Each structure stands twice: as C-alpha cells, then as structure tokens.
Amino acid sequence: MKENNDVAHDCKKTILAVHDVMDVIGGKWKISIVAALSFGTRRYTDILKEVNGISGKMLSRELKEMEADQLISRTVMDTHPVTVQYELTEYGKTLRPIINQLASWGFEHRKRLFG
C-alpha cells in the first residue's frame, strides 16, 4: 500500500494533468467541435449547424484556439465563394478515444435517466 505522501503526490499530479486537458478542451463547445470533426472534414457552416446553440463568433474563436493548440487544421479552398474546411490533426485524433468514452457514458446516462 502506498504511503499517504505518495498518494497525495499522485493525486496532485493527476489533478494537474486533468487541469491541463481542461485548459485545451474545456468549456462549453470544444468537445462538441472535436466530436463533430471526429466524423471527418467539415466546413465552417457544417460545424455551425452540427454544434447546436453555438454562435458564429464563438465558433470562430474556438476554432482559432483549437488550431493554435494543434488539434485542428484549417484549409482555405480556392473556390468562389471561398470555402474553409476544418479537420482534426493527427494530434487531435488522439482525442477520439476520449470522445468515444464520453459518448458511451452519455448514452448510458440518458438510458438511466430517461429509460
């Protein structure tokens, strides 16, 4: 059995790691955006429709932050009018198992609450 100091140290390290994750994907919208992009490349307007309730201004802000965190890539297509597409980077794709686990838990939670 670990001593109390070891457990406290491990607990603090774990909490710090969770805080780091929440700094990157926390908030109301980022997990939903990652979930939408888990299904493939999406245009800005597609994400806006799929992530229910997000405003255009908020979506733009979140996408910029996620691009800066290297979770997504942004591609401007040479079309008229200009089309912008977003997709998960290889690094961003490492979030898929987490998103899948959250979704599984959410499905079970809904069943538990609503039968």
PDB file of N, CA and C in Angstrom:
ATOM      1  N   MET A   1       0.839  -1.184   0.000  1.00  0.00           N
ATOM      2  CA  MET A   1       0.000   0.000   0.000  1.00  0.00           C
ATOM      3  C   MET A   1       0.884   1.248   0.000  1.00  0.00           C
ATOM      4  N   LYS A   2       0.511   2.218  -0.785  1.00  0.00           N
ATOM      5  CA  LYS A   2       1.291   3.451  -0.850  1.00  0.00           C
ATOM      6  C   LYS A   2       1.116   4.255   0.424  1.00  0.00           C
ATOM      7  N   GLU A   3       2.144   4.958   0.750  1.00  0.00           N
ATOM      8  CA  GLU A   3       2.048   5.839   1.905  1.00  0.00           C
ATOM      9  C   GLU A   3       1.234   7.069   1.527  1.00  0.00           C
ATOM     10  N   ASN A   4       0.705   7.744   2.546  1.00  0.00           N
ATOM     11  CA  ASN A   4      -0.155   8.910   2.316  1.00  0.00           C
ATOM     12  C   ASN A   4       0.518   9.978   1.472  1.00  0.00           C
ATOM     13  N   ASN A   5       1.824  10.204   1.671  1.00  0.00           N
ATOM     14  CA  ASN A   5       2.526  11.218   0.883  1.00  0.00           C
ATOM     15  C   ASN A   5       2.561  10.842  -0.588  1.00  0.00           C
ATOM     16  N   ASP A   6       2.763   9.551  -0.881  1.00  0.00           N
ATOM     17  CA  ASP A   6       2.773   9.090  -2.272  1.00  0.00           C
ATOM     18  C   ASP A   6       1.401   9.251  -2.913  1.00  0.00           C
ATOM     19  N   VAL A   7       0.366   8.906  -2.183  1.00  0.00           N
ATOM     20  CA  VAL A   7      -0.995   9.036  -2.695  1.00  0.00           C
ATOM     21  C   VAL A   7      -1.317  10.504  -2.942  1.00  0.00           C
ATOM     22  N   ALA A   8      -0.976  11.352  -2.016  1.00  0.00           N
ATOM     23  CA  ALA A   8      -1.233  12.793  -2.178  1.00  0.00           C
ATOM     24  C   ALA A   8      -0.474  13.340  -3.377  1.00  0.00           C
ATOM     25  N   HIS A   9       0.768  12.892  -3.554  1.00  0.00           N
ATOM     26  CA  HIS A   9       1.585  13.348  -4.692  1.00  0.00           C
ATOM     27  C   HIS A   9       0.959  12.884  -6.015  1.00  0.00           C
ATOM     28  N   ASP A  10       0.548  11.606  -6.072  1.00  0.00           N
ATOM     29  CA  ASP A  10      -0.092  11.073  -7.274  1.00  0.00           C
ATOM     30  C   ASP A  10      -1.408  11.796  -7.563  1.00  0.00           C
ATOM     31  N   CYS A  11      -2.149  12.090  -6.518  1.00  0.00           N
ATOM     32  CA  CYS A  11      -3.415  12.806  -6.674  1.00  0.00           C
ATOM     33  C   CYS A  11      -3.174  14.190  -7.267  1.00  0.00           C
ATOM     34  N   LYS A  12      -2.205  14.906  -6.731  1.00  0.00           N
ATOM     35  CA  LYS A  12      -1.898  16.246  -7.238  1.00  0.00           C
ATOM     36  C   LYS A  12      -1.445  16.202  -8.697  1.00  0.00           C
ATOM     37  N   LYS A  13      -0.608  15.212  -9.048  1.00  0.00           N
ATOM     38  CA  LYS A  13      -0.154  15.072 -10.433  1.00  0.00           C
ATOM     39  C   LYS A  13      -1.319  14.789 -11.365  1.00  0.00           C
ATOM     40  N   THR A  14      -2.227  13.934 -10.918  1.00  0.00           N
ATOM     41  CA  THR A  14      -3.392  13.596 -11.729  1.00  0.00           C
ATOM     42  C   THR A  14      -4.286  14.816 -11.926  1.00  0.00           C
ATOM     43  N   ILE A  15      -4.535  15.533 -10.867  1.00  0.00           N
ATOM     44  CA  ILE A  15      -5.372  16.735 -10.957  1.00  0.00           C
ATOM     45  C   ILE A  15      -4.724  17.772 -11.869  1.00  0.00           C
ATOM     46  N   LEU A  16      -3.420  17.938 -11.785  1.00  0.00           N
ATOM     47  CA  LEU A  16      -2.710  18.872 -12.665  1.00  0.00           C
ATOM     48  C   LEU A  16      -2.873  18.464 -14.130  1.00  0.00           C
ATOM     49  N   ALA A  17      -2.745  17.160 -14.404  1.00  0.00           N
ATOM     50  CA  ALA A  17      -2.919  16.674 -15.777  1.00  0.00           C
ATOM     51  C   ALA A  17      -4.340  16.928 -16.277  1.00  0.00           C
ATOM     52  N   VAL A  18      -5.318  16.706 -15.412  1.00  0.00           N
ATOM     53  CA  VAL A  18      -6.713  16.959 -15.795  1.00  0.00           C
ATOM     54  C   VAL A  18      -6.926  18.445 -16.059  1.00  0.00           C
ATOM     55  N   HIS A  19      -6.342  19.300 -15.245  1.00  0.00           N
ATOM     56  CA  HIS A  19      -6.432  20.753 -15.478  1.00  0.00           C
ATOM     57  C   HIS A  19      -5.812  21.119 -16.819  1.00  0.00           C
ATOM     58  N   ASP A  20      -4.704  20.492 -17.167  1.00  0.00           N
ATOM     59  CA  ASP A  20      -4.071  20.752 -18.463  1.00  0.00           C
ATOM     60  C   ASP A  20      -5.010  20.385 -19.609  1.00  0.00           C
ATOM     61  N   VAL A  21      -5.673  19.234 -19.481  1.00  0.00           N
ATOM     62  CA  VAL A  21      -6.628  18.810 -20.506  1.00  0.00           C
ATOM     63  C   VAL A  21      -7.770  19.819 -20.604  1.00  0.00           C
ATOM     64  N   MET A  22      -8.298  20.218 -19.460  1.00  0.00           N
ATOM     65  CA  MET A  22      -9.432  21.135 -19.472  1.00  0.00           C
ATOM     66  C   MET A  22      -9.053  22.504 -20.031  1.00  0.00           C
ATOM     67  N   ASP A  23      -7.798  22.899 -19.873  1.00  0.00           N
ATOM     68  CA  ASP A  23      -7.337  24.150 -20.485  1.00  0.00           C
ATOM     69  C   ASP A  23      -7.415  24.066 -22.004  1.00  0.00           C
ATOM     70  N   VAL A  24      -7.225  22.868 -22.555  1.00  0.00           N
ATOM     71  CA  VAL A  24      -7.204  22.705 -24.012  1.00  0.00           C
ATOM     72  C   VAL A  24      -8.595  22.405 -24.572  1.00  0.00           C
ATOM     73  N   ILE A  25      -9.362  21.534 -23.924  1.00  0.00           N
ATOM     74  CA  ILE A  25     -10.661  21.143 -24.494  1.00  0.00           C
ATOM     75  C   ILE A  25     -11.842  21.466 -23.594  1.00  0.00           C
ATOM     76  N   GLY A  26     -11.609  22.240 -22.551  1.00  0.00           N
ATOM     77  CA  GLY A  26     -12.684  22.592 -21.637  1.00  0.00           C
ATOM     78  C   GLY A  26     -13.612  23.632 -22.230  1.00  0.00           C
ATOM     79  N   GLY A  27     -14.602  23.964 -21.474  1.00  0.00           N
ATOM     80  CA  GLY A  27     -15.587  24.939 -21.926  1.00  0.00           C
ATOM     81  C   GLY A  27     -16.793  24.239 -22.516  1.00  0.00           C
ATOM     82  N   LYS A  28     -17.697  25.032 -22.981  1.00  0.00           N
ATOM     83  CA  LYS A  28     -18.983  24.516 -23.436  1.00  0.00           C
ATOM     84  C   LYS A  28     -18.935  23.872 -24.822  1.00  0.00           C
ATOM     85  N   TRP A  29     -17.981  24.290 -25.686  1.00  0.00           N
ATOM     86  CA  TRP A  29     -18.082  23.944 -27.099  1.00  0.00           C
ATOM     87  C   TRP A  29     -16.997  23.041 -27.664  1.00  0.00           C
ATOM     88  N   LYS A  30     -15.804  23.060 -27.124  1.00  0.00           N
ATOM     89  CA  LYS A  30     -14.681  22.389 -27.784  1.00  0.00           C
ATOM     90  C   LYS A  30     -14.864  20.886 -27.931  1.00  0.00           C
ATOM     91  N   ILE A  31     -15.392  20.234 -26.917  1.00  0.00           N
ATOM     92  CA  ILE A  31     -15.592  18.794 -27.022  1.00  0.00           C
ATOM     93  C   ILE A  31     -16.611  18.493 -28.128  1.00  0.00           C
ATOM     94  N   SER A  32     -17.634  19.303 -28.237  1.00  0.00           N
ATOM     95  CA  SER A  32     -18.628  19.112 -29.301  1.00  0.00           C
ATOM     96  C   SER A  32     -18.010  19.329 -30.673  1.00  0.00           C
ATOM     97  N   ILE A  33     -17.131  20.300 -30.792  1.00  0.00           N
ATOM     98  CA  ILE A  33     -16.451  20.554 -32.067  1.00  0.00           C
ATOM     99  C   ILE A  33     -15.560  19.373 -32.419  1.00  0.00           C
ATOM    100  N   VAL A  34     -14.795  18.876 -31.451  1.00  0.00           N
ATOM    101  CA  VAL A  34     -13.951  17.702 -31.689  1.00  0.00           C
ATOM    102  C   VAL A  34     -14.821  16.521 -32.095  1.00  0.00           C
ATOM    103  N   ALA A  35     -15.951  16.342 -31.424  1.00  0.00           N
ATOM    104  CA  ALA A  35     -16.858  15.242 -31.760  1.00  0.00           C
ATOM    105  C   ALA A  35     -17.345  15.366 -33.201  1.00  0.00           C
ATOM    106  N   ALA A  36     -17.720  16.564 -33.614  1.00  0.00           N
ATOM    107  CA  ALA A  36     -18.176  16.775 -34.993  1.00  0.00           C
ATOM    108  C   ALA A  36     -17.058  16.461 -35.986  1.00  0.00           C
ATOM    109  N   LEU A  37     -15.849  16.904 -35.676  1.00  0.00           N
ATOM    110  CA  LEU A  37     -14.723  16.678 -36.582  1.00  0.00           C
ATOM    111  C   LEU A  37     -14.227  15.235 -36.539  1.00  0.00           C
ATOM    112  N   SER A  38     -14.648  14.480 -35.544  1.00  0.00           N
ATOM    113  CA  SER A  38     -14.287  13.057 -35.477  1.00  0.00           C
ATOM    114  C   SER A  38     -14.924  12.275 -36.617  1.00  0.00           C
ATOM    115  N   PHE A  39     -15.978  12.837 -37.202  1.00  0.00           N
ATOM    116  CA  PHE A  39     -16.655  12.185 -38.313  1.00  0.00           C
ATOM    117  C   PHE A  39     -16.079  12.592 -39.661  1.00  0.00           C
ATOM    118  N   GLY A  40     -15.023  13.391 -39.658  1.00  0.00           N
ATOM    119  CA  GLY A  40     -14.358  13.772 -40.902  1.00  0.00           C
ATOM    120  C   GLY A  40     -14.275  15.275 -41.076  1.00  0.00           C
ATOM    121  N   THR A  41     -13.736  15.663 -42.199  1.00  0.00           N
ATOM    122  CA  THR A  41     -13.557  17.066 -42.545  1.00  0.00           C
ATOM    123  C   THR A  41     -14.910  17.757 -42.625  1.00  0.00           C
ATOM    124  N   ARG A  42     -14.970  18.958 -42.064  1.00  0.00           N
ATOM    125  CA  ARG A  42     -16.211  19.721 -42.057  1.00  0.00           C
ATOM    126  C   ARG A  42     -15.934  21.159 -42.481  1.00  0.00           C
ATOM    127  N   ARG A  43     -16.915  21.723 -43.185  1.00  0.00           N
ATOM    128  CA  ARG A  43     -16.862  23.148 -43.487  1.00  0.00           C
ATOM    129  C   ARG A  43     -17.352  23.916 -42.265  1.00  0.00           C
ATOM    130  N   TYR A  44     -16.985  25.164 -42.214  1.00  0.00           N
ATOM    131  CA  TYR A  44     -17.392  26.031 -41.100  1.00  0.00           C
ATOM    132  C   TYR A  44     -18.901  25.974 -40.905  1.00  0.00           C
ATOM    133  N   THR A  45     -19.652  26.107 -41.994  1.00  0.00           N
ATOM    134  CA  THR A  45     -21.114  26.133 -41.880  1.00  0.00           C
ATOM    135  C   THR A  45     -21.658  24.788 -41.382  1.00  0.00           C
ATOM    136  N   ASP A  46     -21.004  23.689 -41.751  1.00  0.00           N
ATOM    137  CA  ASP A  46     -21.440  22.375 -41.268  1.00  0.00           C
ATOM    138  C   ASP A  46     -21.291  22.294 -39.749  1.00  0.00           C
ATOM    139  N   ILE A  47     -20.134  22.746 -39.252  1.00  0.00           N
ATOM    140  CA  ILE A  47     -19.889  22.713 -37.805  1.00  0.00           C
ATOM    141  C   ILE A  47     -20.908  23.598 -37.095  1.00  0.00           C
ATOM    142  N   LEU A  48     -21.161  24.753 -37.670  1.00  0.00           N
ATOM    143  CA  LEU A  48     -22.138  25.687 -37.073  1.00  0.00           C
ATOM    144  C   LEU A  48     -23.509  25.031 -36.949  1.00  0.00           C
ATOM    145  N   LYS A  49     -23.919  24.244 -37.948  1.00  0.00           N
ATOM    146  CA  LYS A  49     -25.207  23.550 -37.906  1.00  0.00           C
ATOM    147  C   LYS A  49     -25.185  22.373 -36.941  1.00  0.00           C
ATOM    148  N   GLU A  50     -24.071  21.648 -36.896  1.00  0.00           N
ATOM    149  CA  GLU A  50     -23.998  20.416 -36.103  1.00  0.00           C
ATOM    150  C   GLU A  50     -23.848  20.678 -34.606  1.00  0.00           C
ATOM    151  N   VAL A  51     -23.147  21.751 -34.249  1.00  0.00           N
ATOM    152  CA  VAL A  51     -22.943  22.067 -32.834  1.00  0.00           C
ATOM    153  C   VAL A  51     -24.079  22.994 -32.413  1.00  0.00           C
ATOM    154  N   ASN A  52     -25.126  22.384 -31.927  1.00  0.00           N
ATOM    155  CA  ASN A  52     -26.359  23.088 -31.610  1.00  0.00           C
ATOM    156  C   ASN A  52     -26.151  24.183 -30.569  1.00  0.00           C
ATOM    157  N   GLY A  53     -26.527  25.415 -30.940  1.00  0.00           N
ATOM    158  CA  GLY A  53     -26.515  26.529 -29.999  1.00  0.00           C
ATOM    159  C   GLY A  53     -25.291  27.423 -30.048  1.00  0.00           C
ATOM    160  N   ILE A  54     -24.249  27.020 -30.755  1.00  0.00           N
ATOM    161  CA  ILE A  54     -23.041  27.852 -30.812  1.00  0.00           C
ATOM    162  C   ILE A  54     -23.261  28.996 -31.799  1.00  0.00           C
ATOM    163  N   SER A  55     -22.748  30.171 -31.453  1.00  0.00           N
ATOM    164  CA  SER A  55     -22.849  31.313 -32.359  1.00  0.00           C
ATOM    165  C   SER A  55     -21.660  31.290 -33.322  1.00  0.00           C
ATOM    166  N   GLY A  56     -21.796  31.999 -34.397  1.00  0.00           N
ATOM    167  CA  GLY A  56     -20.706  32.086 -35.370  1.00  0.00           C
ATOM    168  C   GLY A  56     -19.450  32.695 -34.770  1.00  0.00           C
ATOM    169  N   LYS A  57     -19.639  33.721 -33.975  1.00  0.00           N
ATOM    170  CA  LYS A  57     -18.498  34.387 -33.338  1.00  0.00           C
ATOM    171  C   LYS A  57     -17.766  33.436 -32.390  1.00  0.00           C
ATOM    172  N   MET A  58     -18.517  32.685 -31.594  1.00  0.00           N
ATOM    173  CA  MET A  58     -17.921  31.744 -30.652  1.00  0.00           C
ATOM    174  C   MET A  58     -17.238  30.605 -31.399  1.00  0.00           C
ATOM    175  N   LEU A  59     -17.864  30.111 -32.461  1.00  0.00           N
ATOM    176  CA  LEU A  59     -17.250  29.044 -33.243  1.00  0.00           C
ATOM    177  C   LEU A  59     -15.917  29.501 -33.817  1.00  0.00           C
ATOM    178  N   SER A  60     -15.879  30.706 -34.363  1.00  0.00           N
ATOM    179  CA  SER A  60     -14.623  31.242 -34.908  1.00  0.00           C
ATOM    180  C   SER A  60     -13.544  31.303 -33.837  1.00  0.00           C
ATOM    181  N   ARG A  61     -13.900  31.777 -32.661  1.00  0.00           N
ATOM    182  CA  ARG A  61     -12.938  31.888 -31.560  1.00  0.00           C
ATOM    183  C   ARG A  61     -12.408  30.516 -31.151  1.00  0.00           C
ATOM    184  N   GLU A  62     -13.344  29.568 -30.985  1.00  0.00           N
ATOM    185  CA  GLU A  62     -12.952  28.228 -30.549  1.00  0.00           C
ATOM    186  C   GLU A  62     -12.067  27.548 -31.598  1.00  0.00           C
ATOM    187  N   LEU A  63     -12.411  27.691 -32.871  1.00  0.00           N
ATOM    188  CA  LEU A  63     -11.607  27.088 -33.932  1.00  0.00           C
ATOM    189  C   LEU A  63     -10.194  27.669 -33.957  1.00  0.00           C
ATOM    190  N   LYS A  64     -10.074  28.970 -33.772  1.00  0.00           N
ATOM    191  CA  LYS A  64      -8.746  29.594 -33.729  1.00  0.00           C
ATOM    192  C   LYS A  64      -7.920  29.054 -32.571  1.00  0.00           C
ATOM    193  N   GLU A  65      -8.539  28.925 -31.397  1.00  0.00           N
ATOM    194  CA  GLU A  65      -7.824  28.394 -30.237  1.00  0.00           C
ATOM    195  C   GLU A  65      -7.418  26.941 -30.465  1.00  0.00           C
ATOM    196  N   MET A  66      -8.304  26.165 -31.045  1.00  0.00           N
ATOM    197  CA  MET A  66      -8.009  24.759 -31.289  1.00  0.00           C
ATOM    198  C   MET A  66      -6.921  24.590 -32.349  1.00  0.00           C
ATOM    199  N   GLU A  67      -6.896  25.501 -33.310  1.00  0.00           N
ATOM    200  CA  GLU A  67      -5.822  25.478 -34.313  1.00  0.00           C
ATOM    201  C   GLU A  67      -4.493  25.837 -33.655  1.00  0.00           C
ATOM    202  N   ALA A  68      -4.495  26.826 -32.771  1.00  0.00           N
ATOM    203  CA  ALA A  68      -3.277  27.217 -32.055  1.00  0.00           C
ATOM    204  C   ALA A  68      -2.776  26.084 -31.162  1.00  0.00           C
ATOM    205  N   ASP A  69      -3.709  25.278 -30.621  1.00  0.00           N
ATOM    206  CA  ASP A  69      -3.340  24.136 -29.785  1.00  0.00           C
ATOM    207  C   ASP A  69      -3.009  22.898 -30.613  1.00  0.00           C
ATOM    208  N   GLN A  70      -3.018  23.043 -31.931  1.00  0.00           N
ATOM    209  CA  GLN A  70      -2.652  21.986 -32.883  1.00  0.00           C
ATOM    210  C   GLN A  70      -3.610  20.793 -32.875  1.00  0.00           C
ATOM    211  N   LEU A  71      -4.853  21.048 -32.507  1.00  0.00           N
ATOM    212  CA  LEU A  71      -5.860  19.993 -32.512  1.00  0.00           C
ATOM    213  C   LEU A  71      -6.543  19.869 -33.866  1.00  0.00           C
ATOM    214  N   ILE A  72      -6.652  20.998 -34.574  1.00  0.00           N
ATOM    215  CA  ILE A  72      -7.318  21.002 -35.873  1.00  0.00           C
ATOM    216  C   ILE A  72      -6.457  21.730 -36.888  1.00  0.00           C
ATOM    217  N   SER A  73      -6.737  21.439 -38.157  1.00  0.00           N
ATOM    218  CA  SER A  73      -6.102  22.201 -39.226  1.00  0.00           C
ATOM    219  C   SER A  73      -7.193  22.879 -40.041  1.00  0.00           C
ATOM    220  N   ARG A  74      -6.829  23.992 -40.605  1.00  0.00           N
ATOM    221  CA  ARG A  74      -7.755  24.834 -41.372  1.00  0.00           C
ATOM    222  C   ARG A  74      -7.234  24.901 -42.793  1.00  0.00           C
ATOM    223  N   THR A  75      -8.103  24.608 -43.761  1.00  0.00           N
ATOM    224  CA  THR A  75      -7.715  24.658 -45.163  1.00  0.00           C
ATOM    225  C   THR A  75      -8.659  25.596 -45.894  1.00  0.00           C
ATOM    226  N   VAL A  76      -8.085  26.592 -46.550  1.00  0.00           N
ATOM    227  CA  VAL A  76      -8.872  27.526 -47.356  1.00  0.00           C
ATOM    228  C   VAL A  76      -8.856  27.012 -48.788  1.00  0.00           C
ATOM    229  N   MET A  77     -10.032  26.710 -49.327  1.00  0.00           N
ATOM    230  CA  MET A  77     -10.164  26.181 -50.678  1.00  0.00           C
ATOM    231  C   MET A  77     -10.237  27.336 -51.668  1.00  0.00           C
ATOM    232  N   ASP A  78      -9.651  27.138 -52.821  1.00  0.00           N
ATOM    233  CA  ASP A  78      -9.639  28.159 -53.872  1.00  0.00           C
ATOM    234  C   ASP A  78     -10.931  28.055 -54.681  1.00  0.00           C
ATOM    235  N   THR A  79     -12.022  28.442 -54.035  1.00  0.00           N
ATOM    236  CA  THR A  79     -13.332  28.415 -54.678  1.00  0.00           C
ATOM    237  C   THR A  79     -13.939  29.801 -54.596  1.00  0.00           C
ATOM    238  N   HIS A  80     -15.039  29.971 -55.323  1.00  0.00           N
ATOM    239  CA  HIS A  80     -15.754  31.239 -55.235  1.00  0.00           C
ATOM    240  C   HIS A  80     -17.195  30.932 -54.886  1.00  0.00           C
ATOM    241  N   PRO A  81     -17.724  31.312 -53.750  1.00  0.00           N
ATOM    242  CA  PRO A  81     -17.017  31.993 -52.666  1.00  0.00           C
ATOM    243  C   PRO A  81     -16.022  31.043 -51.981  1.00  0.00           C
ATOM    244  N   VAL A  82     -15.140  31.620 -51.211  1.00  0.00           N
ATOM    245  CA  VAL A  82     -14.099  30.856 -50.533  1.00  0.00           C
ATOM    246  C   VAL A  82     -14.742  29.846 -49.578  1.00  0.00           C
ATOM    247  N   THR A  83     -14.234  28.636 -49.601  1.00  0.00           N
ATOM    248  CA  THR A  83     -14.688  27.589 -48.689  1.00  0.00           C
ATOM    249  C   THR A  83     -13.558  27.292 -47.712  1.00  0.00           C
ATOM    250  N   VAL A  84     -13.892  27.204 -46.439  1.00  0.00           N
ATOM    251  CA  VAL A  84     -12.900  26.871 -45.418  1.00  0.00           C
ATOM    252  C   VAL A  84     -13.300  25.539 -44.811  1.00  0.00           C
ATOM    253  N   GLN A  85     -12.327  24.616 -44.756  1.00  0.00           N
ATOM    254  CA  GLN A  85     -12.575  23.301 -44.180  1.00  0.00           C
ATOM    255  C   GLN A  85     -11.696  23.090 -42.956  1.00  0.00           C
ATOM    256  N   TYR A  86     -12.228  22.332 -42.020  1.00  0.00           N
ATOM    257  CA  TYR A  86     -11.500  22.018 -40.789  1.00  0.00           C
ATOM    258  C   TYR A  86     -11.460  20.512 -40.626  1.00  0.00           C
ATOM    259  N   GLU A  87     -10.353  20.036 -40.060  1.00  0.00           N
ATOM    260  CA  GLU A  87     -10.247  18.622 -39.732  1.00  0.00           C
ATOM    261  C   GLU A  87      -9.319  18.449 -38.547  1.00  0.00           C
ATOM    262  N   LEU A  88      -9.463  17.313 -37.880  1.00  0.00           N
ATOM    263  CA  LEU A  88      -8.577  17.015 -36.774  1.00  0.00           C
ATOM    264  C   LEU A  88      -7.180  16.727 -37.307  1.00  0.00           C
ATOM    265  N   THR A  89      -6.187  17.231 -36.623  1.00  0.00           N
ATOM    266  CA  THR A  89      -4.809  16.867 -36.941  1.00  0.00           C
ATOM    267  C   THR A  89      -4.555  15.462 -36.395  1.00  0.00           C
ATOM    268  N   GLU A  90      -3.407  14.895 -36.703  1.00  0.00           N
ATOM    269  CA  GLU A  90      -3.061  13.598 -36.127  1.00  0.00           C
ATOM    270  C   GLU A  90      -3.076  13.690 -34.602  1.00  0.00           C
ATOM    271  N   TYR A  91      -2.577  14.796 -34.077  1.00  0.00           N
ATOM    272  CA  TYR A  91      -2.593  15.020 -32.628  1.00  0.00           C
ATOM    273  C   TYR A  91      -4.031  15.127 -32.116  1.00  0.00           C
ATOM    274  N   GLY A  92      -4.867  15.849 -32.841  1.00  0.00           N
ATOM    275  CA  GLY A  92      -6.271  15.982 -32.461  1.00  0.00           C
ATOM    276  C   GLY A  92      -7.007  14.648 -32.479  1.00  0.00           C
ATOM    277  N   LYS A  93      -6.613  13.768 -33.401  1.00  0.00           N
ATOM    278  CA  LYS A  93      -7.254  12.452 -33.491  1.00  0.00           C
ATOM    279  C   LYS A  93      -6.990  11.603 -32.256  1.00  0.00           C
ATOM    280  N   THR A  94      -5.967  11.942 -31.484  1.00  0.00           N
ATOM    281  CA  THR A  94      -5.717  11.191 -30.250  1.00  0.00           C
ATOM    282  C   THR A  94      -6.826  11.435 -29.226  1.00  0.00           C
ATOM    283  N   LEU A  95      -7.671  12.434 -29.463  1.00  0.00           N
ATOM    284  CA  LEU A  95      -8.814  12.692 -28.585  1.00  0.00           C
ATOM    285  C   LEU A  95     -10.010  11.792 -28.895  1.00  0.00           C
ATOM    286  N   ARG A  96     -10.000  11.105 -30.033  1.00  0.00           N
ATOM    287  CA  ARG A  96     -11.151  10.275 -30.419  1.00  0.00           C
ATOM    288  C   ARG A  96     -11.543   9.248 -29.357  1.00  0.00           C
ATOM    289  N   PRO A  97     -10.584   8.497 -28.789  1.00  0.00           N
ATOM    290  CA  PRO A  97     -10.999   7.536 -27.761  1.00  0.00           C
ATOM    291  C   PRO A  97     -11.672   8.208 -26.557  1.00  0.00           C
ATOM    292  N   ILE A  98     -11.218   9.396 -26.214  1.00  0.00           N
ATOM    293  CA  ILE A  98     -11.820  10.130 -25.098  1.00  0.00           C
ATOM    294  C   ILE A  98     -13.237  10.547 -25.462  1.00  0.00           C
ATOM    295  N   ILE A  99     -13.427  11.044 -26.667  1.00  0.00           N
ATOM    296  CA  ILE A  99     -14.750  11.447 -27.138  1.00  0.00           C
ATOM    297  C   ILE A  99     -15.674  10.232 -27.165  1.00  0.00           C
ATOM    298  N   ASN A 100     -15.164   9.099 -27.653  1.00  0.00           N
ATOM    299  CA  ASN A 100     -15.975   7.875 -27.704  1.00  0.00           C
ATOM    300  C   ASN A 100     -16.384   7.429 -26.298  1.00  0.00           C
ATOM    301  N   GLN A 101     -15.472   7.527 -25.338  1.00  0.00           N
ATOM    302  CA  GLN A 101     -15.798   7.159 -23.958  1.00  0.00           C
ATOM    303  C   GLN A 101     -16.847   8.104 -23.375  1.00  0.00           C
ATOM    304  N   LEU A 102     -16.685   9.398 -23.632  1.00  0.00           N
ATOM    305  CA  LEU A 102     -17.679  10.363 -23.164  1.00  0.00           C
ATOM    306  C   LEU A 102     -19.052  10.068 -23.772  1.00  0.00           C
ATOM    307  N   ALA A 103     -19.068   9.761 -25.065  1.00  0.00           N
ATOM    308  CA  ALA A 103     -20.338   9.459 -25.736  1.00  0.00           C
ATOM    309  C   ALA A 103     -20.967   8.201 -25.148  1.00  0.00           C
ATOM    310  N   SER A 104     -20.165   7.166 -24.912  1.00  0.00           N
ATOM    311  CA  SER A 104     -20.692   5.929 -24.321  1.00  0.00           C
ATOM    312  C   SER A 104     -21.290   6.202 -22.949  1.00  0.00           C
ATOM    313  N   TRP A 105     -20.573   6.963 -22.147  1.00  0.00           N
ATOM    314  CA  TRP A 105     -21.084   7.307 -20.823  1.00  0.00           C
ATOM    315  C   TRP A 105     -22.379   8.107 -20.951  1.00  0.00           C
ATOM    316  N   GLY A 106     -22.397   9.037 -21.894  1.00  0.00           N
ATOM    317  CA  GLY A 106     -23.595   9.855 -22.110  1.00  0.00           C
ATOM    318  C   GLY A 106     -24.796   9.034 -22.542  1.00  0.00           C
ATOM    319  N   PHE A 107     -24.578   8.040 -23.440  1.00  0.00           N
ATOM    320  CA  PHE A 107     -25.678   7.168 -23.856  1.00  0.00           C
ATOM    321  C   PHE A 107     -26.232   6.408 -22.654  1.00  0.00           C
ATOM    322  N   GLU A 108     -25.345   5.853 -21.837  1.00  0.00           N
ATOM    323  CA  GLU A 108     -25.766   5.107 -20.651  1.00  0.00           C
ATOM    324  C   GLU A 108     -26.468   6.013 -19.634  1.00  0.00           C
ATOM    325  N   HIS A 109     -25.954   7.212 -19.480  1.00  0.00           N
ATOM    326  CA  HIS A 109     -26.563   8.162 -18.550  1.00  0.00           C
ATOM    327  C   HIS A 109     -27.984   8.505 -18.991  1.00  0.00           C
ATOM    328  N   ARG A 110     -28.162   8.741 -20.286  1.00  0.00           N
ATOM    329  CA  ARG A 110     -29.509   9.039 -20.801  1.00  0.00           C
ATOM    330  C   ARG A 110     -30.469   7.882 -20.562  1.00  0.00           C
ATOM    331  N   LYS A 111     -29.969   6.655 -20.794  1.00  0.00           N
ATOM    332  CA  LYS A 111     -30.799   5.473 -20.551  1.00  0.00           C
ATOM    333  C   LYS A 111     -31.209   5.395 -19.084  1.00  0.00           C
ATOM    334  N   ARG A 112     -30.248   5.668 -18.212  1.00  0.00           N
ATOM    335  CA  ARG A 112     -30.500   5.598 -16.771  1.00  0.00           C
ATOM    336  C   ARG A 112     -31.551   6.617 -16.338  1.00  0.00           C
ATOM    337  N   LEU A 113     -31.425   7.837 -16.905  1.00  0.00           N
ATOM    338  CA  LEU A 113     -32.359   8.898 -16.509  1.00  0.00           C
ATOM    339  C   LEU A 113     -33.713   8.798 -17.175  1.00  0.00           C
ATOM    340  N   PHE A 114     -33.699   8.439 -18.467  1.00  0.00           N
ATOM    341  CA  PHE A 114     -34.922   8.511 -19.247  1.00  0.00           C
ATOM    342  C   PHE A 114     -35.468   7.163 -19.682  1.00  0.00           C
ATOM    343  N   GLY A 115     -34.776   6.094 -19.284  1.00  0.00           N
ATOM    344  CA  GLY A 115     -35.255   4.735 -19.576  1.00  0.00           C
ATOM    345  C   GLY A 115     -35.091   4.348 -20.948  1.00  0.00           C
TER     346      GLY A 115
END
